Protein backbone atom coordinates (compact mmCIF):
# COMPACT_ATOMS: atom_id res chain seq x y z
CA MET A 1 -40.49 -110.86 72.83
CA VAL A 2 -38.69 -114.20 71.54
CA GLY A 3 -40.49 -115.56 68.58
CA THR A 4 -41.36 -115.51 65.05
CA ILE A 5 -42.21 -111.65 63.50
CA TYR A 6 -45.76 -112.07 62.13
CA ALA A 7 -48.53 -109.73 62.30
CA ASP A 8 -50.40 -112.77 64.88
CA LYS A 9 -47.19 -112.30 67.51
CA GLY A 10 -48.90 -108.75 67.91
CA HIS A 11 -45.08 -106.52 67.51
CA ALA A 12 -47.65 -103.69 66.46
CA ASP A 13 -49.00 -104.02 70.90
CA ALA A 14 -45.89 -104.60 71.64
CA LEU A 15 -44.28 -100.73 70.28
CA GLU A 16 -47.70 -99.36 71.52
CA LEU A 17 -47.22 -100.39 74.57
CA LEU A 18 -44.15 -98.15 74.79
CA VAL A 19 -46.12 -95.16 74.39
CA GLU A 20 -48.52 -95.64 77.03
CA LEU A 21 -45.74 -96.97 79.79
CA ARG A 22 -43.70 -93.29 78.59
CA GLN A 23 -47.32 -91.81 79.09
CA ARG A 24 -47.67 -93.52 83.25
CA GLY A 25 -43.97 -92.19 83.77
CA ILE A 26 -42.06 -95.16 83.10
CA GLU A 27 -39.31 -95.21 80.19
CA ALA A 28 -38.95 -98.84 79.29
CA GLY A 29 -37.46 -100.63 76.44
CA LEU A 30 -38.28 -103.28 74.05
CA GLU A 31 -35.95 -106.80 72.78
CA VAL A 32 -37.77 -108.64 70.28
CA VAL A 33 -35.83 -111.46 69.30
CA GLY A 34 -36.19 -113.70 65.85
CA GLU A 35 -36.64 -112.92 62.79
CA GLY A 36 -39.68 -112.54 60.23
CA ARG A 37 -40.44 -111.66 56.41
CA GLU A 38 -38.62 -108.42 55.60
CA MET A 39 -41.22 -106.62 54.98
CA PHE A 40 -43.16 -106.42 57.99
CA VAL A 41 -40.73 -105.86 60.46
CA ARG A 42 -39.59 -102.89 58.35
CA GLU A 43 -43.31 -102.09 59.11
CA LEU A 44 -42.65 -102.46 62.73
CA LYS A 45 -39.52 -100.27 62.49
CA GLU A 46 -41.59 -97.58 60.63
CA LEU A 47 -44.43 -98.08 63.44
CA ALA A 48 -41.80 -97.25 65.72
CA SER A 49 -40.07 -94.59 64.73
CA THR A 50 -43.79 -93.34 63.58
CA LEU A 51 -44.84 -93.57 67.62
CA GLY A 52 -41.26 -92.20 68.38
CA VAL A 53 -39.79 -95.33 70.38
CA SER A 54 -37.36 -96.42 67.70
CA LYS A 55 -34.64 -95.58 69.75
CA ARG A 56 -36.16 -97.85 72.20
CA VAL A 57 -36.03 -100.71 70.98
CA VAL A 58 -33.59 -103.05 70.00
CA TRP A 59 -34.27 -106.28 67.03
CA SER A 60 -31.91 -108.55 68.19
CA GLY A 61 -32.84 -111.70 64.98
CA PHE A 62 -32.22 -114.53 65.68
CA GLN A 63 -30.94 -116.35 68.54
CA LYS A 64 -30.38 -120.43 68.50
CA ASP A 65 -30.91 -120.82 72.55
CA PRO A 66 -33.59 -118.68 73.72
CA LEU A 67 -33.13 -118.52 77.17
CA PRO A 68 -30.01 -116.24 77.32
CA PRO A 69 -32.24 -113.19 76.59
CA LEU A 70 -35.29 -114.50 78.59
CA ARG A 71 -33.08 -114.68 82.04
CA HIS A 72 -31.68 -111.13 81.42
CA ALA A 73 -35.78 -109.87 80.88
CA HIS A 74 -37.39 -107.92 83.58
CA ILE A 75 -40.30 -109.24 81.94
CA CYS A 76 -41.22 -111.76 78.83
CA LEU A 77 -44.41 -110.41 76.86
CA VAL A 78 -46.09 -112.96 74.65
CA CYS A 79 -48.90 -110.59 72.47
CA SER A 80 -49.78 -112.83 70.20
CA ARG A 81 -53.48 -113.67 69.13
CA ARG A 82 -53.64 -116.50 68.67
CA GLU A 83 -50.92 -118.91 70.30
CA ALA A 84 -51.63 -122.92 70.27
CA PHE A 85 -49.09 -123.57 73.04
CA GLY A 86 -47.17 -121.29 74.18
CA ARG A 87 -43.62 -122.25 73.99
CA VAL A 88 -42.14 -119.16 75.05
CA ALA A 89 -43.96 -118.36 78.28
CA VAL A 90 -43.08 -122.06 79.42
CA GLU A 91 -39.64 -121.31 78.23
CA ALA A 92 -38.90 -117.60 80.17
CA MET A 93 -41.02 -118.63 83.15
CA SER A 94 -38.55 -121.44 84.15
CA VAL A 95 -35.73 -119.11 83.90
CA GLY A 96 -37.78 -117.11 86.36
CA THR A 97 -38.70 -114.41 84.15
CA PRO A 98 -42.92 -112.32 84.88
CA VAL A 99 -44.93 -113.54 81.59
CA VAL A 100 -47.28 -110.87 80.73
CA ALA A 101 -49.81 -112.52 77.81
CA THR A 102 -52.86 -112.39 75.93
CA ALA A 103 -55.44 -114.53 77.11
CA VAL A 104 -55.60 -116.88 73.82
CA GLY A 105 -55.17 -120.66 73.16
CA GLY A 106 -53.14 -122.41 75.01
CA LEU A 107 -51.59 -119.65 76.94
CA THR A 108 -54.56 -119.56 79.72
CA GLU A 109 -53.48 -123.44 79.97
CA ILE A 110 -50.20 -122.17 80.81
CA ILE A 111 -51.09 -119.22 83.03
CA ARG A 112 -52.95 -118.79 86.09
CA ASP A 113 -53.99 -114.75 85.81
CA GLY A 114 -52.13 -113.31 88.62
CA GLU A 115 -50.62 -116.89 90.04
CA THR A 116 -47.91 -117.55 87.55
CA GLY A 117 -48.15 -114.90 84.51
CA LEU A 118 -51.01 -111.87 84.54
CA LEU A 119 -53.12 -112.39 81.26
CA TYR A 120 -54.87 -109.62 79.18
CA LYS A 121 -57.01 -109.54 75.78
CA PRO A 122 -55.04 -109.15 72.49
CA GLY A 123 -55.76 -105.81 71.54
CA GLU A 124 -55.87 -104.01 74.94
CA VAL A 125 -53.05 -102.39 75.82
CA ASP A 126 -53.79 -100.43 78.10
CA ARG A 127 -54.69 -103.48 79.96
CA LEU A 128 -51.32 -105.35 78.63
CA ALA A 129 -49.51 -101.52 80.49
CA ASP A 130 -51.71 -102.31 83.44
CA ALA A 131 -50.38 -105.16 83.83
CA VAL A 132 -46.33 -104.46 83.30
CA GLU A 133 -47.10 -101.12 85.48
CA SER A 134 -47.74 -103.22 88.31
CA LEU A 135 -45.22 -105.86 88.12
CA VAL A 136 -42.52 -102.80 87.49
CA GLU A 137 -43.99 -100.72 90.55
CA ASN A 138 -44.22 -103.63 92.87
CA HIS A 139 -41.53 -105.16 93.47
CA ALA A 140 -43.69 -107.24 96.30
CA ARG A 141 -45.95 -108.40 93.43
CA TYR A 142 -43.40 -108.77 90.69
CA CYS A 143 -41.07 -111.49 92.83
CA PRO A 144 -43.62 -114.29 94.12
CA LEU A 145 -45.22 -114.11 89.96
CA ALA A 146 -41.89 -114.57 88.94
CA LEU A 147 -41.36 -117.58 91.37
CA SER A 148 -44.45 -119.08 91.34
CA GLY A 149 -44.42 -119.74 87.50
CA MET A 150 -41.37 -121.05 87.80
CA ARG A 151 -42.31 -123.65 90.08
CA HIS A 152 -45.14 -124.31 88.31
CA VAL A 153 -43.59 -124.96 84.86
CA HIS A 154 -40.79 -127.31 86.78
CA SER A 155 -43.54 -129.58 88.37
CA HIS A 156 -45.60 -129.13 85.01
CA PHE A 157 -43.43 -129.14 81.45
CA THR A 158 -40.45 -131.04 82.21
CA VAL A 159 -39.50 -133.86 79.69
CA ASP A 160 -39.49 -136.66 83.10
CA LEU A 161 -43.30 -135.89 83.80
CA TYR A 162 -43.79 -136.06 79.72
CA ARG A 163 -41.80 -139.10 79.47
CA GLN A 164 -44.09 -140.46 82.37
CA LYS A 165 -47.16 -139.16 80.74
CA MET A 166 -46.20 -141.00 77.40
CA ILE A 167 -45.50 -144.24 78.87
CA ALA A 168 -48.83 -144.59 80.69
CA ALA A 169 -50.10 -142.92 77.46
CA PHE A 170 -48.30 -146.54 75.38
CA GLU A 171 -49.56 -148.52 78.06
CA MET A 172 -53.33 -147.61 78.16
CA VAL A 173 -53.32 -148.22 74.91
CA ILE A 174 -51.59 -151.89 74.49
CA GLY A 175 -53.94 -152.82 77.40
CA GLY A 176 -51.66 -151.84 80.59
CA GLN A 177 -48.50 -154.20 79.00
CA LYS A 178 -45.23 -152.82 80.52
CA LEU A 179 -43.03 -151.55 77.74
């Protein structure tokens, strides 16, 4: 998980995911990249301890460039309760890391469930575990999903495409005059 650490980002779900996966016979780890209020981060660490997963969680703190940990990850989790856009999902997909995310806000516009990533309802840790397990246990699903996500991002979320859309919008506003 990459991003600011606060309650709406769903870190507690990710910690509970580790318990669910262990019950299914899958030993997984979680890297949390980002910062948050010290009190809340401490609460999450206490939850990890209570759940018995603290040794499988790495708290990496803030990193100026999120791409190296996203490249290193096997799966990127975006467990947000609300998400206006979903920049982390786009960044993960851009480097070929499959994304499992909540079906909320902008994430549903970025991710085509089962095609460019996997979606689940917020708080449904069992469905989150199903999605992660399907990627861990099925390499034939993992690779096409990663490749499809990467292609989707590179065809829809590039700087050049954004620039072209902005120019078109400006031209429309000024009555078709060339800029």
